[in-house]
Amino acid sequence: MPTPPSRPSSKQPASWAYAEQFVPEDDVLARARARSADLGVEPVSPGVAATLTVLAAAARARTVVEVGTGAGVSLLSLLRGAGADGVVTTIDPDGEAQRAAREAVADDGIRSNRARFINGRALEVLPRLTDGAYDLVLLDGDERENSAYLEQAHRLLRVGGLLVVDDALWRGRVTDPAARDASTVAQREVARVVLEDGNWFPTLVPSGDGLLLAVKSA
């Protein structure tokens, strides 16, 4: 039987832009984005923010680790999806950005004890967290350290827990074999490991600048 032709890709500029803006953002997220701009911090895109909320809700995530707090856009998205009893442990070395994220949490009326802020380098903090105690881990810190973050994420997640790696396509450079800068190479390596090592059920979603999603299988 001949192979049927594949469907044309929907990732055309207009379709991508439509998907990115499909879920309108409210004033709380808009203010968090404004704080990000003031601090020179790049937040997740609107499409990624909406996806994080859906993923946290679908995973029934009650315990979440976020590497890279920024000014709180992704944190708000995770907290909203995690529900009333969900707690996000968020790690970032930038104290000023974390103060802005605290403001975003308060602005949304979220109880302060649902966001656990840890100021420090992720590679120093992650080893202190409990094995198998988390439902979801988001990696959105220094992409050059993602291979080391990945090892910690696998340890921290329960079986069936969800890994999310932001910027998995890294400004479109991951698909360019000539791009060999440290960030691009690091993102390629994380994707390769997740795909090949047998401990994950992975997929790659072209939302924002790419989301690598993987469920821990073993």
N, C-alpha and C. Protein backbone atom coordinates (compact mmCIF):
# COMPACT_ATOMS: atom_id res chain seq x y z
N MET A 1 0.85 -1.19 0.00
CA MET A 1 0.00 0.00 0.00
C MET A 1 0.88 1.24 0.00
N PRO A 2 0.62 2.17 -0.90
CA PRO A 2 1.46 3.36 -0.95
C PRO A 2 1.25 4.22 0.30
N THR A 3 2.31 4.90 0.69
CA THR A 3 2.22 5.79 1.84
C THR A 3 1.44 7.03 1.46
N PRO A 4 0.40 7.36 2.24
CA PRO A 4 -0.38 8.57 1.90
C PRO A 4 0.48 9.81 2.08
N PRO A 5 0.21 10.81 1.30
CA PRO A 5 0.99 12.04 1.45
C PRO A 5 0.76 12.66 2.82
N SER A 6 1.81 13.23 3.40
CA SER A 6 1.66 13.90 4.69
C SER A 6 0.88 15.19 4.50
N ARG A 7 0.21 15.59 5.56
CA ARG A 7 -0.53 16.84 5.50
C ARG A 7 0.45 18.01 5.47
N PRO A 8 0.07 19.09 4.84
CA PRO A 8 0.97 20.25 4.85
C PRO A 8 1.14 20.78 6.27
N SER A 9 2.32 21.27 6.57
CA SER A 9 2.58 21.80 7.90
C SER A 9 1.69 22.99 8.20
N SER A 10 1.18 23.02 9.45
CA SER A 10 0.37 24.18 9.88
C SER A 10 1.24 25.28 10.45
N LYS A 11 2.56 25.02 10.55
CA LYS A 11 3.41 26.05 11.14
C LYS A 11 3.84 27.05 10.09
N GLN A 12 2.87 27.79 9.61
CA GLN A 12 3.10 28.94 8.77
C GLN A 12 3.01 30.17 9.66
N PRO A 13 3.62 31.28 9.28
CA PRO A 13 3.64 32.45 10.16
C PRO A 13 2.27 32.86 10.68
N ALA A 14 1.27 32.92 9.82
CA ALA A 14 -0.05 33.36 10.26
C ALA A 14 -0.67 32.36 11.22
N SER A 15 -0.50 31.06 10.95
CA SER A 15 -1.05 30.03 11.83
C SER A 15 -0.36 30.05 13.18
N TRP A 16 0.96 30.20 13.17
CA TRP A 16 1.71 30.25 14.43
C TRP A 16 1.26 31.46 15.25
N ALA A 17 1.13 32.62 14.61
CA ALA A 17 0.71 33.82 15.33
C ALA A 17 -0.70 33.65 15.88
N TYR A 18 -1.58 33.03 15.13
CA TYR A 18 -2.95 32.78 15.59
C TYR A 18 -2.93 31.89 16.83
N ALA A 19 -2.13 30.82 16.79
CA ALA A 19 -2.05 29.90 17.92
C ALA A 19 -1.46 30.59 19.15
N GLU A 20 -0.45 31.42 18.93
CA GLU A 20 0.19 32.10 20.06
C GLU A 20 -0.76 33.03 20.79
N GLN A 21 -1.68 33.63 20.08
CA GLN A 21 -2.60 34.60 20.68
C GLN A 21 -4.00 34.02 20.90
N PHE A 22 -4.13 32.71 20.74
CA PHE A 22 -5.45 32.08 20.78
C PHE A 22 -6.13 32.29 22.14
N VAL A 23 -5.36 32.18 23.22
CA VAL A 23 -5.91 32.39 24.57
C VAL A 23 -5.55 33.81 25.00
N PRO A 24 -6.52 34.70 25.11
CA PRO A 24 -6.20 36.08 25.51
C PRO A 24 -5.65 36.13 26.93
N GLU A 25 -4.68 36.99 27.15
CA GLU A 25 -4.11 37.14 28.49
C GLU A 25 -4.82 38.26 29.24
N ASP A 26 -4.96 38.07 30.55
CA ASP A 26 -5.65 39.06 31.37
C ASP A 26 -4.67 40.13 31.85
N ASP A 27 -5.20 41.08 32.61
CA ASP A 27 -4.40 42.22 33.06
C ASP A 27 -3.27 41.80 33.99
N VAL A 28 -3.47 40.75 34.77
CA VAL A 28 -2.42 40.30 35.70
C VAL A 28 -1.20 39.82 34.92
N LEU A 29 -1.43 39.01 33.90
CA LEU A 29 -0.32 38.54 33.07
C LEU A 29 0.30 39.69 32.29
N ALA A 30 -0.52 40.63 31.84
CA ALA A 30 0.00 41.78 31.12
C ALA A 30 0.94 42.59 32.01
N ARG A 31 0.57 42.76 33.27
CA ARG A 31 1.44 43.50 34.18
C ARG A 31 2.72 42.72 34.47
N ALA A 32 2.62 41.39 34.56
CA ALA A 32 3.82 40.58 34.76
C ALA A 32 4.76 40.70 33.55
N ARG A 33 4.18 40.75 32.36
CA ARG A 33 5.00 40.93 31.16
C ARG A 33 5.66 42.31 31.16
N ALA A 34 4.94 43.32 31.63
CA ALA A 34 5.51 44.66 31.69
C ALA A 34 6.68 44.70 32.67
N ARG A 35 6.56 44.02 33.80
CA ARG A 35 7.68 43.95 34.75
C ARG A 35 8.87 43.23 34.11
N SER A 36 8.59 42.19 33.35
CA SER A 36 9.67 41.48 32.65
C SER A 36 10.42 42.42 31.73
N ALA A 37 9.69 43.22 30.97
CA ALA A 37 10.32 44.17 30.05
C ALA A 37 11.15 45.20 30.81
N ASP A 38 10.63 45.67 31.93
CA ASP A 38 11.37 46.66 32.73
C ASP A 38 12.69 46.11 33.24
N LEU A 39 12.69 44.80 33.55
CA LEU A 39 13.89 44.17 34.11
C LEU A 39 14.80 43.57 33.03
N GLY A 40 14.36 43.61 31.77
CA GLY A 40 15.14 43.00 30.71
C GLY A 40 15.13 41.48 30.76
N VAL A 41 14.04 40.93 31.30
CA VAL A 41 13.88 39.47 31.40
C VAL A 41 12.92 39.01 30.32
N GLU A 42 13.29 37.97 29.58
CA GLU A 42 12.43 37.47 28.51
C GLU A 42 11.46 36.43 29.07
N PRO A 43 10.15 36.72 29.10
CA PRO A 43 9.19 35.75 29.61
C PRO A 43 8.83 34.72 28.56
N VAL A 44 8.16 33.66 28.99
CA VAL A 44 7.61 32.71 28.01
C VAL A 44 6.57 33.43 27.16
N SER A 45 6.36 32.94 25.96
CA SER A 45 5.40 33.56 25.05
C SER A 45 3.97 33.31 25.54
N PRO A 46 3.00 34.07 25.04
CA PRO A 46 1.60 33.82 25.43
C PRO A 46 1.16 32.39 25.14
N GLY A 47 1.57 31.84 24.00
CA GLY A 47 1.20 30.47 23.68
C GLY A 47 1.79 29.47 24.65
N VAL A 48 3.04 29.69 25.04
CA VAL A 48 3.67 28.80 26.02
C VAL A 48 3.02 28.96 27.38
N ALA A 49 2.71 30.19 27.77
CA ALA A 49 2.05 30.42 29.06
C ALA A 49 0.74 29.64 29.14
N ALA A 50 -0.07 29.72 28.09
CA ALA A 50 -1.34 29.00 28.08
C ALA A 50 -1.11 27.49 28.10
N THR A 51 -0.08 27.03 27.39
CA THR A 51 0.23 25.60 27.38
C THR A 51 0.66 25.12 28.75
N LEU A 52 1.43 25.91 29.47
CA LEU A 52 1.86 25.52 30.81
C LEU A 52 0.66 25.36 31.74
N THR A 53 -0.31 26.25 31.62
CA THR A 53 -1.50 26.12 32.45
C THR A 53 -2.24 24.83 32.14
N VAL A 54 -2.39 24.53 30.85
CA VAL A 54 -3.07 23.30 30.44
C VAL A 54 -2.29 22.07 30.93
N LEU A 55 -0.98 22.09 30.78
CA LEU A 55 -0.18 20.93 31.18
C LEU A 55 -0.25 20.69 32.68
N ALA A 56 -0.16 21.77 33.46
CA ALA A 56 -0.23 21.61 34.92
C ALA A 56 -1.59 21.07 35.33
N ALA A 57 -2.65 21.55 34.67
CA ALA A 57 -4.00 21.07 34.99
C ALA A 57 -4.18 19.62 34.55
N ALA A 58 -3.72 19.28 33.34
CA ALA A 58 -3.88 17.92 32.82
C ALA A 58 -3.10 16.91 33.65
N ALA A 59 -1.92 17.33 34.14
CA ALA A 59 -1.09 16.44 34.95
C ALA A 59 -1.55 16.39 36.40
N ARG A 60 -2.57 17.20 36.74
CA ARG A 60 -3.03 17.32 38.13
C ARG A 60 -1.84 17.60 39.04
N ALA A 61 -1.00 18.50 38.58
CA ALA A 61 0.26 18.76 39.27
C ALA A 61 0.01 19.48 40.59
N ARG A 62 0.50 18.89 41.64
CA ARG A 62 0.41 19.50 42.97
C ARG A 62 1.78 19.91 43.48
N THR A 63 2.81 19.35 42.92
CA THR A 63 4.18 19.71 43.29
C THR A 63 4.95 19.97 42.01
N VAL A 64 5.47 21.19 41.87
CA VAL A 64 6.12 21.62 40.63
C VAL A 64 7.45 22.27 40.97
N VAL A 65 8.46 22.03 40.14
CA VAL A 65 9.73 22.75 40.21
C VAL A 65 9.88 23.55 38.94
N GLU A 66 10.23 24.83 39.11
CA GLU A 66 10.50 25.70 37.97
C GLU A 66 11.93 26.20 38.07
N VAL A 67 12.72 25.92 37.06
CA VAL A 67 14.08 26.47 36.97
C VAL A 67 14.01 27.71 36.09
N GLY A 68 14.20 28.88 36.70
CA GLY A 68 14.11 30.14 35.98
C GLY A 68 12.81 30.86 36.29
N THR A 69 12.79 31.64 37.36
CA THR A 69 11.57 32.33 37.78
C THR A 69 11.20 33.45 36.83
N GLY A 70 12.22 34.20 36.35
CA GLY A 70 11.92 35.40 35.60
C GLY A 70 11.11 36.35 36.46
N ALA A 71 10.20 37.09 35.84
CA ALA A 71 9.36 38.03 36.58
C ALA A 71 7.97 37.48 36.85
N GLY A 72 7.78 36.17 36.63
CA GLY A 72 6.57 35.54 37.11
C GLY A 72 5.54 35.12 36.10
N VAL A 73 5.77 35.30 34.80
CA VAL A 73 4.75 34.92 33.81
C VAL A 73 4.54 33.40 33.82
N SER A 74 5.61 32.64 33.71
CA SER A 74 5.47 31.18 33.72
C SER A 74 5.01 30.68 35.09
N LEU A 75 5.46 31.33 36.16
CA LEU A 75 5.04 30.94 37.51
C LEU A 75 3.54 31.08 37.67
N LEU A 76 2.98 32.21 37.26
CA LEU A 76 1.54 32.39 37.31
C LEU A 76 0.82 31.32 36.50
N SER A 77 1.34 31.02 35.32
CA SER A 77 0.70 30.03 34.45
C SER A 77 0.66 28.66 35.10
N LEU A 78 1.76 28.28 35.74
CA LEU A 78 1.81 26.99 36.43
C LEU A 78 0.89 26.97 37.64
N LEU A 79 0.91 28.03 38.43
CA LEU A 79 0.07 28.08 39.63
C LEU A 79 -1.41 28.02 39.28
N ARG A 80 -1.80 28.68 38.22
CA ARG A 80 -3.20 28.65 37.81
C ARG A 80 -3.63 27.24 37.41
N GLY A 81 -2.77 26.52 36.70
CA GLY A 81 -3.11 25.17 36.29
C GLY A 81 -3.04 24.16 37.42
N ALA A 82 -2.17 24.41 38.37
CA ALA A 82 -1.96 23.45 39.46
C ALA A 82 -3.14 23.41 40.43
N GLY A 83 -3.97 24.41 40.45
CA GLY A 83 -5.13 24.38 41.32
C GLY A 83 -4.85 24.91 42.71
N ALA A 84 -5.88 24.90 43.53
CA ALA A 84 -5.83 25.62 44.81
C ALA A 84 -4.80 25.08 45.78
N ASP A 85 -4.44 23.80 45.67
CA ASP A 85 -3.49 23.22 46.62
C ASP A 85 -2.12 22.94 46.00
N GLY A 86 -1.91 23.37 44.78
CA GLY A 86 -0.62 23.14 44.13
C GLY A 86 0.44 24.11 44.60
N VAL A 87 1.67 23.63 44.72
CA VAL A 87 2.81 24.45 45.17
C VAL A 87 3.90 24.40 44.10
N VAL A 88 4.41 25.57 43.72
CA VAL A 88 5.51 25.65 42.77
C VAL A 88 6.76 26.12 43.50
N THR A 89 7.82 25.31 43.43
CA THR A 89 9.13 25.71 43.92
C THR A 89 9.88 26.32 42.75
N THR A 90 10.20 27.60 42.83
CA THR A 90 10.80 28.30 41.70
C THR A 90 12.18 28.81 42.07
N ILE A 91 13.15 28.57 41.20
CA ILE A 91 14.56 28.80 41.50
C ILE A 91 15.14 29.79 40.50
N ASP A 92 15.84 30.80 41.02
CA ASP A 92 16.47 31.78 40.14
C ASP A 92 17.53 32.53 40.95
N PRO A 93 18.69 32.86 40.34
CA PRO A 93 19.71 33.63 41.06
C PRO A 93 19.45 35.13 41.08
N ASP A 94 18.44 35.60 40.32
CA ASP A 94 18.17 37.03 40.20
C ASP A 94 17.12 37.43 41.24
N GLY A 95 17.58 38.02 42.34
CA GLY A 95 16.67 38.40 43.40
C GLY A 95 15.67 39.46 43.00
N GLU A 96 16.09 40.40 42.14
CA GLU A 96 15.18 41.46 41.72
C GLU A 96 14.04 40.89 40.88
N ALA A 97 14.37 39.95 40.00
CA ALA A 97 13.33 39.32 39.20
C ALA A 97 12.37 38.53 40.10
N GLN A 98 12.90 37.85 41.10
CA GLN A 98 12.02 37.11 41.99
C GLN A 98 11.11 38.03 42.80
N ARG A 99 11.60 39.20 43.16
CA ARG A 99 10.73 40.16 43.84
C ARG A 99 9.57 40.56 42.93
N ALA A 100 9.86 40.75 41.66
CA ALA A 100 8.80 41.06 40.70
C ALA A 100 7.82 39.90 40.58
N ALA A 101 8.32 38.68 40.62
CA ALA A 101 7.45 37.51 40.54
C ALA A 101 6.56 37.39 41.78
N ARG A 102 7.11 37.73 42.93
CA ARG A 102 6.28 37.75 44.15
C ARG A 102 5.13 38.75 44.00
N GLU A 103 5.44 39.88 43.40
CA GLU A 103 4.41 40.89 43.17
C GLU A 103 3.34 40.36 42.24
N ALA A 104 3.75 39.61 41.22
CA ALA A 104 2.78 39.04 40.28
C ALA A 104 1.86 38.04 40.99
N VAL A 105 2.43 37.22 41.86
CA VAL A 105 1.64 36.23 42.60
C VAL A 105 0.62 36.95 43.48
N ALA A 106 1.06 37.99 44.18
CA ALA A 106 0.14 38.75 45.03
C ALA A 106 -0.93 39.44 44.19
N ASP A 107 -0.53 39.95 43.03
CA ASP A 107 -1.45 40.64 42.13
C ASP A 107 -2.57 39.72 41.67
N ASP A 108 -2.27 38.43 41.57
CA ASP A 108 -3.27 37.45 41.12
C ASP A 108 -4.10 36.90 42.27
N GLY A 109 -3.83 37.36 43.49
CA GLY A 109 -4.60 36.88 44.63
C GLY A 109 -4.27 35.45 45.04
N ILE A 110 -3.11 34.97 44.64
CA ILE A 110 -2.69 33.60 44.97
C ILE A 110 -2.04 33.61 46.36
N ARG A 111 -2.37 32.64 47.19
CA ARG A 111 -1.77 32.55 48.52
C ARG A 111 -0.26 32.46 48.41
N SER A 112 0.44 33.23 49.22
CA SER A 112 1.90 33.30 49.13
C SER A 112 2.57 31.96 49.40
N ASN A 113 1.94 31.08 50.19
CA ASN A 113 2.57 29.79 50.52
C ASN A 113 2.48 28.78 49.38
N ARG A 114 1.83 29.18 48.27
CA ARG A 114 1.78 28.28 47.12
C ARG A 114 2.98 28.48 46.20
N ALA A 115 3.75 29.54 46.40
CA ALA A 115 4.95 29.80 45.60
C ALA A 115 6.14 29.80 46.55
N ARG A 116 7.02 28.86 46.38
CA ARG A 116 8.21 28.72 47.22
C ARG A 116 9.40 29.25 46.44
N PHE A 117 9.87 30.43 46.80
CA PHE A 117 10.96 31.08 46.08
C PHE A 117 12.30 30.69 46.69
N ILE A 118 13.20 30.22 45.83
CA ILE A 118 14.57 29.92 46.27
C ILE A 118 15.51 30.73 45.40
N ASN A 119 16.26 31.62 46.04
CA ASN A 119 17.21 32.46 45.32
C ASN A 119 18.56 31.75 45.29
N GLY A 120 19.01 31.37 44.09
CA GLY A 120 20.28 30.67 43.99
C GLY A 120 20.43 30.01 42.63
N ARG A 121 21.59 29.43 42.40
CA ARG A 121 21.86 28.71 41.15
C ARG A 121 21.16 27.36 41.18
N ALA A 122 20.50 27.03 40.09
CA ALA A 122 19.72 25.79 40.05
C ALA A 122 20.58 24.56 40.33
N LEU A 123 21.81 24.54 39.83
CA LEU A 123 22.65 23.36 40.03
C LEU A 123 23.09 23.19 41.47
N GLU A 124 22.96 24.23 42.28
CA GLU A 124 23.25 24.11 43.71
C GLU A 124 21.99 23.79 44.50
N VAL A 125 20.82 24.20 43.98
CA VAL A 125 19.57 24.00 44.70
C VAL A 125 18.93 22.65 44.39
N LEU A 126 18.89 22.26 43.13
CA LEU A 126 18.18 21.05 42.72
C LEU A 126 18.63 19.80 43.49
N PRO A 127 19.93 19.59 43.72
CA PRO A 127 20.33 18.38 44.45
C PRO A 127 19.78 18.30 45.87
N ARG A 128 19.29 19.41 46.42
CA ARG A 128 18.76 19.41 47.78
C ARG A 128 17.27 19.06 47.83
N LEU A 129 16.63 18.97 46.66
CA LEU A 129 15.21 18.65 46.62
C LEU A 129 15.00 17.14 46.65
N THR A 130 13.80 16.72 47.02
CA THR A 130 13.52 15.31 47.33
C THR A 130 13.28 14.47 46.09
N ASP A 131 13.89 13.30 46.05
CA ASP A 131 13.72 12.35 44.94
C ASP A 131 12.24 11.99 44.75
N GLY A 132 11.83 11.94 43.50
CA GLY A 132 10.52 11.41 43.15
C GLY A 132 9.34 12.13 43.76
N ALA A 133 9.53 13.39 44.15
CA ALA A 133 8.48 14.09 44.90
C ALA A 133 7.69 15.09 44.05
N TYR A 134 7.97 15.16 42.75
CA TYR A 134 7.38 16.23 41.95
C TYR A 134 6.60 15.68 40.76
N ASP A 135 5.52 16.41 40.45
CA ASP A 135 4.66 16.02 39.34
C ASP A 135 5.07 16.65 38.02
N LEU A 136 5.73 17.81 38.09
CA LEU A 136 6.10 18.54 36.87
C LEU A 136 7.37 19.33 37.15
N VAL A 137 8.28 19.32 36.18
CA VAL A 137 9.50 20.13 36.26
C VAL A 137 9.61 20.93 34.96
N LEU A 138 9.74 22.26 35.11
CA LEU A 138 9.95 23.15 33.97
C LEU A 138 11.39 23.64 33.97
N LEU A 139 12.08 23.44 32.86
CA LEU A 139 13.44 23.94 32.69
C LEU A 139 13.40 25.17 31.80
N ASP A 140 13.66 26.33 32.40
CA ASP A 140 13.66 27.58 31.65
C ASP A 140 14.71 28.52 32.24
N GLY A 141 15.87 27.93 32.59
CA GLY A 141 16.96 28.70 33.14
C GLY A 141 18.06 28.90 32.10
N ASP A 142 19.29 28.67 32.51
CA ASP A 142 20.43 28.77 31.60
C ASP A 142 20.46 27.52 30.73
N GLU A 143 20.08 27.69 29.47
CA GLU A 143 19.98 26.52 28.59
C GLU A 143 21.30 25.78 28.44
N ARG A 144 22.42 26.45 28.67
CA ARG A 144 23.72 25.77 28.55
C ARG A 144 23.92 24.74 29.65
N GLU A 145 23.11 24.81 30.71
CA GLU A 145 23.21 23.86 31.82
C GLU A 145 22.09 22.83 31.78
N ASN A 146 21.34 22.79 30.68
CA ASN A 146 20.16 21.93 30.65
C ASN A 146 20.47 20.45 30.77
N SER A 147 21.62 20.00 30.29
CA SER A 147 21.94 18.58 30.44
C SER A 147 22.06 18.20 31.91
N ALA A 148 22.66 19.07 32.69
CA ALA A 148 22.76 18.82 34.13
C ALA A 148 21.40 18.96 34.80
N TYR A 149 20.61 19.95 34.36
CA TYR A 149 19.25 20.07 34.90
C TYR A 149 18.44 18.82 34.60
N LEU A 150 18.61 18.27 33.40
CA LEU A 150 17.84 17.10 32.99
C LEU A 150 18.10 15.93 33.93
N GLU A 151 19.34 15.71 34.28
CA GLU A 151 19.67 14.62 35.21
C GLU A 151 18.95 14.80 36.54
N GLN A 152 18.93 16.04 37.03
CA GLN A 152 18.23 16.32 38.28
C GLN A 152 16.72 16.18 38.11
N ALA A 153 16.19 16.63 36.99
CA ALA A 153 14.76 16.55 36.76
C ALA A 153 14.28 15.10 36.77
N HIS A 154 15.04 14.22 36.15
CA HIS A 154 14.66 12.81 36.15
C HIS A 154 14.62 12.25 37.56
N ARG A 155 15.55 12.65 38.38
CA ARG A 155 15.58 12.20 39.78
C ARG A 155 14.40 12.75 40.57
N LEU A 156 14.03 14.00 40.31
CA LEU A 156 12.99 14.66 41.10
C LEU A 156 11.59 14.21 40.73
N LEU A 157 11.36 13.88 39.46
CA LEU A 157 10.01 13.54 39.02
C LEU A 157 9.61 12.14 39.47
N ARG A 158 8.36 12.01 39.84
CA ARG A 158 7.78 10.67 40.04
C ARG A 158 7.63 10.00 38.68
N VAL A 159 7.50 8.68 38.66
CA VAL A 159 7.17 7.99 37.41
C VAL A 159 5.79 8.49 36.96
N GLY A 160 5.71 8.89 35.71
CA GLY A 160 4.50 9.50 35.20
C GLY A 160 4.50 11.02 35.28
N GLY A 161 5.55 11.59 35.92
CA GLY A 161 5.68 13.03 36.01
C GLY A 161 6.10 13.63 34.68
N LEU A 162 5.89 14.92 34.54
CA LEU A 162 6.05 15.61 33.25
C LEU A 162 7.24 16.57 33.27
N LEU A 163 8.12 16.41 32.31
CA LEU A 163 9.22 17.34 32.06
C LEU A 163 8.82 18.30 30.95
N VAL A 164 9.12 19.60 31.15
CA VAL A 164 8.89 20.62 30.13
C VAL A 164 10.18 21.41 29.97
N VAL A 165 10.70 21.46 28.75
CA VAL A 165 11.90 22.24 28.45
C VAL A 165 11.51 23.35 27.49
N ASP A 166 11.66 24.60 27.95
CA ASP A 166 11.30 25.74 27.11
C ASP A 166 12.44 26.06 26.13
N ASP A 167 12.11 26.77 25.07
CA ASP A 167 13.09 27.19 24.05
C ASP A 167 13.81 26.01 23.42
N ALA A 168 13.10 24.91 23.23
CA ALA A 168 13.73 23.69 22.74
C ALA A 168 14.21 23.82 21.30
N LEU A 169 13.69 24.78 20.56
CA LEU A 169 14.15 25.00 19.18
C LEU A 169 15.16 26.14 19.10
N TRP A 170 15.37 26.81 20.22
CA TRP A 170 16.39 27.85 20.40
C TRP A 170 16.52 28.79 19.21
N ARG A 171 15.52 29.67 19.10
CA ARG A 171 15.52 30.71 18.07
C ARG A 171 15.63 30.15 16.65
N GLY A 172 15.14 28.93 16.50
CA GLY A 172 15.17 28.29 15.19
C GLY A 172 16.52 27.72 14.80
N ARG A 173 17.49 27.77 15.71
CA ARG A 173 18.85 27.35 15.36
C ARG A 173 19.08 25.85 15.52
N VAL A 174 18.25 25.19 16.34
CA VAL A 174 18.44 23.76 16.58
C VAL A 174 18.35 22.96 15.29
N THR A 175 17.52 23.40 14.37
CA THR A 175 17.35 22.67 13.11
C THR A 175 18.42 23.01 12.08
N ASP A 176 19.30 23.94 12.41
CA ASP A 176 20.36 24.34 11.48
C ASP A 176 21.66 23.63 11.86
N PRO A 177 22.10 22.64 11.09
CA PRO A 177 23.29 21.88 11.46
C PRO A 177 24.54 22.74 11.55
N ALA A 178 24.54 23.90 10.91
CA ALA A 178 25.72 24.77 10.96
C ALA A 178 25.80 25.57 12.26
N ALA A 179 24.70 25.62 13.02
CA ALA A 179 24.69 26.39 14.26
C ALA A 179 25.34 25.56 15.36
N ARG A 180 26.49 26.02 15.87
CA ARG A 180 27.25 25.25 16.85
C ARG A 180 27.55 26.06 18.11
N ASP A 181 26.81 27.12 18.35
CA ASP A 181 27.03 27.88 19.59
C ASP A 181 26.59 27.03 20.78
N ALA A 182 27.05 27.41 21.98
CA ALA A 182 26.87 26.58 23.17
C ALA A 182 25.40 26.35 23.51
N SER A 183 24.57 27.38 23.35
CA SER A 183 23.16 27.23 23.70
C SER A 183 22.45 26.27 22.75
N THR A 184 22.73 26.41 21.46
CA THR A 184 22.10 25.53 20.48
C THR A 184 22.53 24.08 20.69
N VAL A 185 23.81 23.88 20.88
CA VAL A 185 24.33 22.52 21.10
C VAL A 185 23.70 21.91 22.35
N ALA A 186 23.56 22.71 23.40
CA ALA A 186 22.98 22.20 24.65
C ALA A 186 21.53 21.78 24.45
N GLN A 187 20.75 22.58 23.72
CA GLN A 187 19.36 22.22 23.49
C GLN A 187 19.25 20.98 22.60
N ARG A 188 20.11 20.85 21.61
CA ARG A 188 20.11 19.64 20.79
C ARG A 188 20.42 18.41 21.64
N GLU A 189 21.38 18.54 22.54
CA GLU A 189 21.81 17.40 23.34
C GLU A 189 20.70 16.94 24.29
N VAL A 190 20.01 17.88 24.91
CA VAL A 190 18.91 17.51 25.80
C VAL A 190 17.83 16.77 25.01
N ALA A 191 17.48 17.29 23.85
CA ALA A 191 16.47 16.62 23.02
C ALA A 191 16.92 15.22 22.63
N ARG A 192 18.20 15.08 22.28
CA ARG A 192 18.72 13.76 21.89
C ARG A 192 18.63 12.78 23.05
N VAL A 193 19.04 13.20 24.23
CA VAL A 193 19.02 12.31 25.39
C VAL A 193 17.60 11.89 25.73
N VAL A 194 16.70 12.86 25.77
CA VAL A 194 15.31 12.55 26.10
C VAL A 194 14.72 11.57 25.08
N LEU A 195 15.09 11.74 23.82
CA LEU A 195 14.56 10.89 22.76
C LEU A 195 15.14 9.48 22.81
N GLU A 196 16.41 9.36 23.19
CA GLU A 196 17.13 8.10 23.00
C GLU A 196 17.36 7.27 24.25
N ASP A 197 17.26 7.83 25.45
CA ASP A 197 17.74 7.05 26.60
C ASP A 197 16.72 6.09 27.19
N GLY A 198 15.48 6.09 26.68
CA GLY A 198 14.51 5.08 27.10
C GLY A 198 13.81 5.36 28.41
N ASN A 199 14.07 6.50 29.03
CA ASN A 199 13.44 6.82 30.31
C ASN A 199 12.29 7.79 30.19
N TRP A 200 11.93 8.15 28.96
CA TRP A 200 10.92 9.17 28.74
C TRP A 200 10.00 8.78 27.58
N PHE A 201 8.76 9.31 27.63
CA PHE A 201 7.88 9.34 26.47
C PHE A 201 7.87 10.78 25.98
N PRO A 202 8.62 11.10 24.90
CA PRO A 202 8.81 12.52 24.53
C PRO A 202 7.99 12.96 23.32
N THR A 203 7.85 14.27 23.23
CA THR A 203 7.35 14.90 22.02
C THR A 203 7.89 16.33 21.98
N LEU A 204 7.85 16.93 20.80
CA LEU A 204 8.32 18.30 20.62
C LEU A 204 7.17 19.12 20.04
N VAL A 205 6.83 20.19 20.72
CA VAL A 205 5.67 21.01 20.36
C VAL A 205 6.16 22.38 19.88
N PRO A 206 5.76 22.82 18.69
CA PRO A 206 6.24 24.10 18.16
C PRO A 206 5.47 25.29 18.70
N SER A 207 5.34 25.38 20.01
CA SER A 207 4.73 26.52 20.66
C SER A 207 5.83 27.45 21.15
N GLY A 208 5.62 28.76 21.01
CA GLY A 208 6.68 29.69 21.38
C GLY A 208 7.93 29.41 20.57
N ASP A 209 9.05 29.19 21.25
CA ASP A 209 10.30 28.81 20.58
C ASP A 209 10.57 27.32 20.78
N GLY A 210 9.48 26.56 20.90
CA GLY A 210 9.59 25.12 21.03
C GLY A 210 9.51 24.66 22.47
N LEU A 211 8.64 23.68 22.72
CA LEU A 211 8.54 23.04 24.03
C LEU A 211 8.84 21.56 23.85
N LEU A 212 9.87 21.08 24.55
CA LEU A 212 10.14 19.66 24.62
C LEU A 212 9.37 19.12 25.83
N LEU A 213 8.46 18.18 25.58
CA LEU A 213 7.66 17.58 26.63
C LEU A 213 8.01 16.11 26.73
N ALA A 214 8.08 15.61 27.97
CA ALA A 214 8.40 14.20 28.14
C ALA A 214 7.83 13.73 29.47
N VAL A 215 7.19 12.56 29.44
CA VAL A 215 6.70 11.92 30.65
C VAL A 215 7.73 10.90 31.10
N LYS A 216 8.06 10.92 32.38
CA LYS A 216 9.04 9.96 32.92
C LYS A 216 8.44 8.57 32.93
N SER A 217 9.10 7.66 32.21
CA SER A 217 8.59 6.30 32.08
C SER A 217 9.27 5.33 33.02
N ALA A 218 10.47 5.67 33.47
CA ALA A 218 11.22 4.76 34.36
C ALA A 218 12.28 5.56 35.09
